C-alpha atoms as a PDB file:
ATOM      1  CA  MET A   1       8.707   1.216  24.465  1.00  0.00           C
ATOM      2  CA  SER A   2      11.970   3.253  24.428  1.00  0.00           C
ATOM      3  CA  ARG A   3      13.929  -0.023  24.685  1.00  0.00           C
ATOM      4  CA  LEU A   4      12.898  -0.723  21.097  1.00  0.00           C
ATOM      5  CA  LYS A   5      14.439   2.509  19.758  1.00  0.00           C
ATOM      6  CA  PRO A   6      18.120   1.547  19.508  1.00  0.00           C
ATOM      7  CA  GLY A   7      20.758   4.105  18.618  1.00  0.00           C
ATOM      8  CA  ASP A   8      22.863   3.792  15.484  1.00  0.00           C
ATOM      9  CA  LEU A   9      25.519   1.486  16.935  1.00  0.00           C
ATOM     10  CA  GLN A  10      22.936  -0.578  18.760  1.00  0.00           C
ATOM     11  CA  LEU A  11      21.004  -1.039  15.566  1.00  0.00           C
ATOM     12  CA  ALA A  12      24.178  -2.125  13.752  1.00  0.00           C
ATOM     13  CA  ILE A  13      24.836  -4.695  16.472  1.00  0.00           C
ATOM     14  CA  LEU A  14      21.275  -5.964  16.324  1.00  0.00           C
ATOM     15  CA  THR A  15      21.510  -6.209  12.549  1.00  0.00           C
ATOM     16  CA  VAL A  16      24.547  -8.485  12.914  1.00  0.00           C
ATOM     17  CA  LEU A  17      22.568 -10.665  15.314  1.00  0.00           C
ATOM     18  CA  TRP A  18      19.482 -10.787  13.111  1.00  0.00           C
ATOM     19  CA  GLU A  19      21.667 -11.852  10.175  1.00  0.00           C
ATOM     20  CA  GLN A  20      23.886 -14.308  12.038  1.00  0.00           C
ATOM     21  CA  GLY A  21      21.816 -15.494  14.974  1.00  0.00           C
ATOM     22  CA  GLU A  22      24.521 -14.989  17.561  1.00  0.00           C
ATOM     23  CA  ALA A  23      27.990 -13.508  17.863  1.00  0.00           C
ATOM     24  CA  THR A  24      30.873 -12.843  20.225  1.00  0.00           C
ATOM     25  CA  THR A  25      32.451  -9.467  20.840  1.00  0.00           C
ATOM     26  CA  ALA A  26      35.284 -10.475  18.459  1.00  0.00           C
ATOM     27  CA  ARG A  27      32.732 -11.331  15.731  1.00  0.00           C
ATOM     28  CA  PHE A  28      31.035  -7.946  16.144  1.00  0.00           C
ATOM     29  CA  HIS A  29      34.490  -6.294  15.850  1.00  0.00           C
ATOM     30  CA  GLU A  30      34.982  -8.069  12.519  1.00  0.00           C
ATOM     31  CA  ALA A  31      31.478  -7.399  11.256  1.00  0.00           C
ATOM     32  CA  LEU A  32      31.645  -3.699  12.195  1.00  0.00           C
ATOM     33  CA  THR A  33      35.209  -3.093  11.074  1.00  0.00           C
ATOM     34  CA  GLU A  34      34.315  -0.017   8.972  1.00  0.00           C
ATOM     35  CA  ARG A  35      33.324   1.732  12.225  1.00  0.00           C
ATOM     36  CA  LYS A  36      36.873   1.326  13.594  1.00  0.00           C
ATOM     37  CA  LEU A  37      35.581   0.527  17.117  1.00  0.00           C
ATOM     38  CA  ALA A  38      37.724  -0.840  19.947  1.00  0.00           C
ATOM     39  CA  LEU A  39      36.734  -4.204  21.354  1.00  0.00           C
ATOM     40  CA  THR A  40      36.122  -2.500  24.697  1.00  0.00           C
ATOM     41  CA  THR A  41      33.670  -0.096  23.100  1.00  0.00           C
ATOM     42  CA  ILE A  42      31.729  -2.988  21.587  1.00  0.00           C
ATOM     43  CA  ALA A  43      31.818  -4.908  24.878  1.00  0.00           C
ATOM     44  CA  THR A  44      30.524  -1.844  26.777  1.00  0.00           C
ATOM     45  CA  MET A  45      27.687  -1.319  24.293  1.00  0.00           C
ATOM     46  CA  LEU A  46      26.725  -5.022  24.459  1.00  0.00           C
ATOM     47  CA  ARG A  47      26.589  -4.805  28.290  1.00  0.00           C
ATOM     48  CA  LYS A  48      24.331  -1.715  28.036  1.00  0.00           C
ATOM     49  CA  MET A  49      22.144  -3.452  25.498  1.00  0.00           C
ATOM     50  CA  ASP A  50      21.915  -6.533  27.714  1.00  0.00           C
ATOM     51  CA  ASP A  51      20.856  -4.306  30.614  1.00  0.00           C
ATOM     52  CA  ARG A  52      18.116  -2.753  28.433  1.00  0.00           C
ATOM     53  CA  GLY A  53      16.850  -6.136  27.296  1.00  0.00           C
ATOM     54  CA  LEU A  54      17.874  -5.724  23.645  1.00  0.00           C
ATOM     55  CA  VAL A  55      20.288  -8.646  23.671  1.00  0.00           C
ATOM     56  CA  ARG A  56      20.928 -11.650  25.889  1.00  0.00           C
ATOM     57  CA  HIS A  57      24.089 -13.621  26.416  1.00  0.00           C
ATOM     58  CA  ARG A  58      25.421 -16.974  27.398  1.00  0.00           C
ATOM     59  CA  ARG A  59      28.902 -18.002  28.403  1.00  0.00           C
ATOM     60  CA  GLU A  60      30.874 -20.298  26.129  1.00  0.00           C
ATOM     61  CA  GLY A  61      34.244 -20.936  27.710  1.00  0.00           C
ATOM     62  CA  ARG A  62      35.727 -17.495  28.384  1.00  0.00           C
ATOM     63  CA  ALA A  63      33.642 -15.788  25.698  1.00  0.00           C
ATOM     64  CA  LEU A  64      30.189 -14.303  25.955  1.00  0.00           C
ATOM     65  CA  VAL A  65      27.937 -15.248  23.027  1.00  0.00           C
ATOM     66  CA  TYR A  66      25.162 -12.719  22.320  1.00  0.00           C
ATOM     67  CA  SER A  67      21.815 -13.163  20.631  1.00  0.00           C
ATOM     68  CA  ALA A  68      18.990 -10.686  19.922  1.00  0.00           C
ATOM     69  CA  ALA A  69      16.326 -10.437  22.579  1.00  0.00           C
ATOM     70  CA  VAL A  70      14.026  -8.404  20.306  1.00  0.00           C
ATOM     71  CA  ASP A  71      12.596  -9.187  16.904  1.00  0.00           C
ATOM     72  CA  GLU A  72      13.629  -7.110  13.909  1.00  0.00           C
ATOM     73  CA  SER A  73       9.930  -6.469  13.122  1.00  0.00           C
ATOM     74  CA  GLU A  74       9.304  -5.141  16.642  1.00  0.00           C
ATOM     75  CA  VAL A  75      12.208  -2.719  16.375  1.00  0.00           C
ATOM     76  CA  ARG A  76      11.271  -1.625  12.882  1.00  0.00           C
ATOM     77  CA  ARG A  77       7.642  -1.029  13.966  1.00  0.00           C
ATOM     78  CA  SER A  78       8.754   0.959  17.006  1.00  0.00           C
ATOM     79  CA  MET A  79      11.171   3.072  14.963  1.00  0.00           C
ATOM     80  CA  VAL A  80       8.655   3.762  12.207  1.00  0.00           C
ATOM     81  CA  ASP A  81       5.979   4.656  14.809  1.00  0.00           C
ATOM     82  CA  ASP A  82       8.446   7.104  16.361  1.00  0.00           C
ATOM     83  CA  VAL A  83       9.140   8.745  12.956  1.00  0.00           C
ATOM     84  CA  VAL A  84       5.422   8.996  12.195  1.00  0.00           C
ATOM     85  CA  ASP A  85       4.710  10.457  15.632  1.00  0.00           C
ATOM     86  CA  ARG A  86       7.609  12.917  15.635  1.00  0.00           C
ATOM     87  CA  LEU A  87       7.641  14.082  12.023  1.00  0.00           C
ATOM     88  CA  PHE A  88       4.105  13.479  10.756  1.00  0.00           C
ATOM     89  CA  SER A  89       1.907  14.170  13.794  1.00  0.00           C
ATOM     90  CA  GLY A  90       1.000  10.514  14.139  1.00  0.00           C
ATOM     91  CA  ASP A  91      -0.467  10.366  10.581  1.00  0.00           C
ATOM     92  CA  PRO A  92       1.028   7.465   8.577  1.00  0.00           C
ATOM     93  CA  SER A  93      -0.649   8.646   5.385  1.00  0.00           C
ATOM     94  CA  SER A  94       1.361  11.886   5.656  1.00  0.00           C
ATOM     95  CA  LEU A  95       4.541   9.737   5.651  1.00  0.00           C
ATOM     96  CA  VAL A  96       3.386   7.966   2.481  1.00  0.00           C
ATOM     97  CA  HIS A  97       2.416  11.265   0.890  1.00  0.00           C
ATOM     98  CA  HIS A  98       5.880  12.605   1.698  1.00  0.00           C
ATOM     99  CA  LEU A  99       7.599   9.570   0.210  1.00  0.00           C
ATOM    100  CA  VAL A 100       5.534   9.805  -2.986  1.00  0.00           C
ATOM    101  CA  SER A 101       5.856  13.598  -3.387  1.00  0.00           C
ATOM    102  CA  GLU A 102       9.614  13.500  -2.785  1.00  0.00           C
ATOM    103  CA  GLY A 103      10.072  10.748  -5.410  1.00  0.00           C
ATOM    104  CA  GLU A 104      11.239   8.226  -2.814  1.00  0.00           C
ATOM    105  CA  ILE A 105       8.706   5.690  -4.186  1.00  0.00           C
ATOM    106  CA  ASP A 106       8.570   5.041  -7.927  1.00  0.00           C
ATOM    107  CA  LEU A 107       5.530   3.943  -9.906  1.00  0.00           C
ATOM    108  CA  ASP A 108       6.382   0.236  -9.780  1.00  0.00           C
ATOM    109  CA  GLU A 109       6.679   0.443  -5.986  1.00  0.00           C
ATOM    110  CA  LEU A 110       3.316   2.230  -5.836  1.00  0.00           C
ATOM    111  CA  ASP A 111       1.731  -0.614  -7.809  1.00  0.00           C
ATOM    112  CA  ALA A 112       3.234  -3.116  -5.383  1.00  0.00           C
ATOM    113  CA  LEU A 113       1.838  -1.085  -2.467  1.00  0.00           C
ATOM    114  CA  ARG A 114      -1.613  -1.044  -4.068  1.00  0.00           C
ATOM    115  CA  GLN A 115      -1.479  -4.858  -4.336  1.00  0.00           C
ATOM    116  CA  ARG A 116      -0.454  -5.129  -0.682  1.00  0.00           C
ATOM    117  CA  VAL A 117      -3.281  -2.790   0.380  1.00  0.00           C
ATOM    118  CA  GLN A 118      -5.787  -4.866  -1.633  1.00  0.00           C
ATOM    119  CA  ALA A 119      -4.463  -8.101  -0.115  1.00  0.00           C
ATOM    120  CA  ALA A 120      -4.726  -6.631   3.390  1.00  0.00           C
ATOM    121  CA  ARG A 121      -8.299  -5.526   2.678  1.00  0.00           C
ATOM    122  CA  SER A 122      -9.182  -8.937   1.374  1.00  0.00           C
ATOM    123  CA  ALA A 123      -7.657 -10.647   4.433  1.00  0.00           C
ATOM    124  CA  ARG A 124      -9.451  -8.250   6.797  1.00  0.00           C
ATOM    125  CA  ASP A 125     -12.777  -8.698   5.076  1.00  0.00           C
ATOM    126  CA  GLY A 126     -12.369 -12.469   4.935  1.00  0.00           C
ATOM    127  CA  GLY A 127     -11.753 -12.483   1.227  1.00  0.00           C
ATOM    128  CA  ASN A 128     -15.062 -10.815   0.368  1.00  0.00           C
ATOM    129  CA  SER A 129     -13.639  -7.834  -1.512  1.00  0.00           C
END
């Protein structure tokens, strides 16, 4: 499961792939320009990510073209599970309580969450709620 917990740069690279579908090292260099990374640094990270199964590549002429080998939802779920486990003793309701008590979720967002919870209950109960 650790392969789905990318570091900061790895997550930035995956985000480019999720948004664009595929990219070359040069395209990552352009997309991540604010990080001021050398092409060699990006190429090294892509190689490591390929070894870990986070990305895959194909050759197009002299360039390697990368695509994501993991779904955004899988990575998000893994990272949230890690936060819940590490910071909230495995209790997701403690995370929600924290977000509400710290003002990270406003009342409109709470209403939207209530609607999602109700929709999930209805779907689980076969629409009998």
